[in-house]
Amino acid sequence: MRIRVLNPSAQLPVGILTVKDHLRIVGNDENSYLSNLIVVAGDWAEHYLNKHLISKQIPVYLDGFSSEIIVKLYPLQSIDAVAYYDSDNVRQVLTASDYDADEIDGRLSSFGGWPATYDKYNAVEIDITVGYGDFHAQLPRSIQQAMLLLIGHLYENREDTTDLKLKQLPMGAKALLSPFRDPSI
């Protein structure tokens, strides 16, 4: 299974005003730097959780159909389309009545069997939408708070090294994210 993010969200996973309030910053001089830190914290959270935060459309590519297809991208909002290259190498699009989609578990199965595909890489494309929602307000607050902790750390420690002995917070970012993480993924 191969993926490619087509439409990354322009929406930040935490609002700039929320970050400025958290860091007690007045004024707009550092907005560009703070926006960069928000993106970095969002990327870190997505990689740690193995989940997408803000809604985005992703095509999933397979070399062919199997009896049951499992799309392991979370949280899965919808399976939008299934297309494939038929045995004559012509692109075909299946209708939703051709397959059963379990959007909770990300499973797809065919009613009566999948069609034959052309023997090539990426012969099947499944378009999906993943993420908690279109806006940062739809993210669980614990995920937002974890990102705020990381943003605060990066804001206060702008270099790779320090003379200070830093200690991790007992209820730090990883502790806030752990209920949302599936260790089996």
Protein backbone atom coordinates (compact mmCIF):
# COMPACT_ATOMS: atom_id res chain seq x y z
CA MET A 1 0.00 0.00 0.00
CA ARG A 2 1.42 3.36 -1.06
CA ILE A 3 -0.02 6.76 -0.24
CA ARG A 4 0.46 10.32 -1.39
CA VAL A 5 -1.12 13.36 0.26
CA LEU A 6 -2.84 15.34 -2.49
CA ASN A 7 -4.53 18.14 -0.60
CA PRO A 8 -2.69 18.94 2.61
CA SER A 9 -4.76 21.13 4.83
CA ALA A 10 -4.01 24.84 4.94
CA GLN A 11 -5.60 24.83 8.39
CA LEU A 12 -3.12 24.75 11.29
CA PRO A 13 -3.71 22.04 13.94
CA VAL A 14 -3.64 24.70 16.69
CA GLY A 15 -4.75 28.30 16.29
CA ILE A 16 -2.12 31.05 16.37
CA LEU A 17 -4.09 32.99 18.98
CA THR A 18 -4.21 29.90 21.22
CA VAL A 19 -0.43 29.54 20.92
CA LYS A 20 0.17 33.21 21.66
CA ASP A 21 -2.11 32.98 24.71
CA HIS A 22 -0.30 29.83 25.90
CA LEU A 23 3.11 31.51 25.51
CA ARG A 24 1.83 34.87 26.83
CA ILE A 25 2.93 36.68 23.68
CA VAL A 26 1.49 40.08 22.79
CA GLY A 27 1.90 41.47 19.31
CA ASN A 28 2.43 39.95 15.91
CA ASP A 29 6.22 40.11 15.48
CA GLU A 30 6.70 36.36 15.87
CA ASN A 31 3.60 35.10 14.04
CA SER A 32 5.61 33.59 11.19
CA TYR A 33 7.93 31.74 13.58
CA LEU A 34 4.99 30.56 15.69
CA SER A 35 3.17 29.30 12.59
CA ASN A 36 6.27 27.27 11.73
CA LEU A 37 6.35 25.80 15.26
CA ILE A 38 2.67 24.86 14.96
CA VAL A 39 3.38 22.96 11.73
CA VAL A 40 6.36 21.20 13.35
CA ALA A 41 4.31 20.24 16.42
CA GLY A 42 1.48 18.99 14.23
CA ASP A 43 3.88 16.89 12.14
CA TRP A 44 5.42 15.44 15.31
CA ALA A 45 2.01 14.58 16.75
CA GLU A 46 0.88 12.95 13.49
CA HIS A 47 4.02 10.82 13.31
CA TYR A 48 3.87 9.87 16.99
CA LEU A 49 0.18 8.94 16.80
CA ASN A 50 0.31 7.54 13.27
CA LYS A 51 -2.88 9.52 12.66
CA HIS A 52 -3.82 12.52 10.57
CA LEU A 53 -5.03 15.53 12.54
CA ILE A 54 -6.70 17.93 10.10
CA SER A 55 -8.79 16.55 7.20
CA LYS A 56 -6.92 15.73 4.02
CA GLN A 57 -7.57 13.69 0.92
CA ILE A 58 -5.21 10.81 0.27
CA PRO A 59 -5.11 8.32 -2.59
CA VAL A 60 -4.02 4.83 -1.57
CA TYR A 61 -2.37 2.77 -4.31
CA LEU A 62 -2.34 -1.02 -4.60
CA ASP A 63 -0.93 -3.24 -7.34
CA GLY A 64 -4.18 -5.20 -7.47
CA PHE A 65 -7.29 -6.17 -5.52
CA SER A 66 -7.27 -8.73 -2.70
CA SER A 67 -10.33 -10.42 -1.20
CA GLU A 68 -10.49 -7.82 1.58
CA ILE A 69 -8.63 -4.54 1.51
CA ILE A 70 -7.74 -2.84 4.78
CA VAL A 71 -6.80 0.84 4.69
CA LYS A 72 -4.77 1.60 7.82
CA LEU A 73 -4.95 5.38 7.87
CA TYR A 74 -6.65 6.98 10.83
CA PRO A 75 -8.99 8.55 11.67
CA LEU A 76 -10.75 7.52 8.49
CA GLN A 77 -13.64 9.85 7.61
CA SER A 78 -14.71 8.41 4.27
CA ILE A 79 -13.84 6.18 1.35
CA ASP A 80 -14.54 8.52 -1.53
CA ALA A 81 -13.79 6.49 -4.66
CA VAL A 82 -12.28 3.24 -5.95
CA ALA A 83 -10.69 3.20 -9.39
CA TYR A 84 -8.57 0.62 -11.21
CA TYR A 85 -6.96 -0.17 -14.54
CA ASP A 86 -8.84 -3.03 -16.20
CA SER A 87 -7.21 -5.89 -18.12
CA ASP A 88 -6.99 -3.60 -21.20
CA ASN A 89 -5.18 -0.91 -19.14
CA VAL A 90 -8.22 1.43 -19.25
CA ARG A 91 -9.04 3.33 -16.08
CA GLN A 92 -12.42 2.37 -14.59
CA VAL A 93 -14.25 3.78 -11.56
CA LEU A 94 -16.36 1.52 -9.38
CA THR A 95 -19.68 2.73 -8.02
CA ALA A 96 -20.36 2.53 -4.30
CA SER A 97 -22.84 -0.29 -4.99
CA ASP A 98 -19.94 -2.45 -6.28
CA TYR A 99 -18.25 -2.76 -2.88
CA ASP A 100 -18.90 -2.70 0.84
CA ALA A 101 -16.98 -0.07 2.80
CA ASP A 102 -16.53 -0.24 6.57
CA GLU A 103 -15.25 3.23 7.33
CA ILE A 104 -14.79 2.49 11.03
CA ASP A 105 -12.20 -0.25 10.44
CA GLY A 106 -11.11 0.87 6.95
CA ARG A 107 -12.15 -2.37 5.28
CA LEU A 108 -13.33 -2.80 1.69
CA SER A 109 -14.79 -5.96 0.23
CA SER A 110 -16.48 -6.63 -3.07
CA PHE A 111 -20.00 -7.84 -3.76
CA GLY A 112 -19.32 -10.83 -6.01
CA GLY A 113 -15.57 -10.39 -6.47
CA TRP A 114 -13.24 -7.64 -7.60
CA PRO A 115 -12.64 -7.08 -11.31
CA ALA A 116 -9.39 -8.18 -12.98
CA THR A 117 -6.69 -5.52 -13.13
CA TYR A 118 -3.89 -4.80 -15.56
CA ASP A 119 -0.53 -6.18 -14.42
CA LYS A 120 1.19 -2.96 -13.37
CA TYR A 121 2.20 -1.03 -10.30
CA ASN A 122 -0.54 1.08 -8.70
CA ALA A 123 -3.31 -0.59 -10.71
CA VAL A 124 -5.83 0.28 -7.97
CA GLU A 125 -6.45 3.72 -6.45
CA ILE A 126 -8.66 4.19 -3.38
CA ASP A 127 -9.38 7.84 -2.59
CA ILE A 128 -10.00 8.48 1.10
CA THR A 129 -10.44 11.40 3.48
CA VAL A 130 -8.72 11.18 6.86
CA GLY A 131 -8.44 13.45 9.91
CA TYR A 132 -10.42 14.53 12.95
CA GLY A 133 -12.08 17.37 11.05
CA ASP A 134 -11.52 20.44 8.91
CA PHE A 135 -10.71 22.79 11.80
CA HIS A 136 -8.38 22.67 14.81
CA ALA A 137 -11.38 23.08 17.12
CA GLN A 138 -12.43 19.54 16.14
CA LEU A 139 -9.21 18.01 17.49
CA PRO A 140 -9.33 16.43 20.96
CA ARG A 141 -8.14 18.98 23.50
CA SER A 142 -5.47 16.62 24.84
CA ILE A 143 -3.85 16.53 21.39
CA GLN A 144 -3.95 20.32 21.17
CA GLN A 145 -2.46 20.62 24.68
CA ALA A 146 0.35 18.19 23.79
CA MET A 147 1.19 20.36 20.78
CA LEU A 148 1.16 23.48 22.95
CA LEU A 149 3.67 21.84 25.32
CA LEU A 150 5.95 20.99 22.41
CA ILE A 151 5.56 24.47 20.88
CA GLY A 152 6.42 26.02 24.27
CA HIS A 153 9.52 23.87 24.55
CA LEU A 154 10.68 24.71 21.01
CA TYR A 155 9.95 28.42 21.53
CA GLU A 156 11.96 28.60 24.77
CA ASN A 157 14.81 26.35 23.54
CA ARG A 158 15.66 27.56 20.06
CA GLU A 159 19.04 25.85 19.89
CA ASP A 160 20.00 22.19 19.73
CA THR A 161 22.01 22.30 22.98
CA THR A 162 21.75 24.03 26.34
CA ASP A 163 23.77 24.35 29.56
CA LEU A 164 20.63 23.72 31.58
CA LYS A 165 19.59 20.29 32.79
CA LEU A 166 16.09 19.91 31.39
CA LYS A 167 13.60 17.42 32.79
CA GLN A 168 10.61 15.96 31.04
CA LEU A 169 7.24 16.88 32.50
CA PRO A 170 5.51 13.91 34.16
CA MET A 171 2.29 14.75 32.27
CA GLY A 172 4.09 15.88 29.14
CA ALA A 173 3.13 15.72 25.49
CA LYS A 174 3.53 11.94 25.13
CA ALA A 175 1.34 11.31 28.19
CA LEU A 176 -1.38 13.52 26.72
CA LEU A 177 -1.19 11.75 23.35
CA SER A 178 -0.96 8.17 24.60
CA PRO A 179 -4.74 7.56 24.88
CA PHE A 180 -5.05 8.37 21.15
CA ARG A 181 -2.16 6.16 20.07
CA ASP A 182 -2.69 2.63 18.83
CA PRO A 183 0.54 0.75 19.62
CA SER A 184 -0.34 -1.99 17.12
CA ILE A 185 -0.07 0.41 14.18
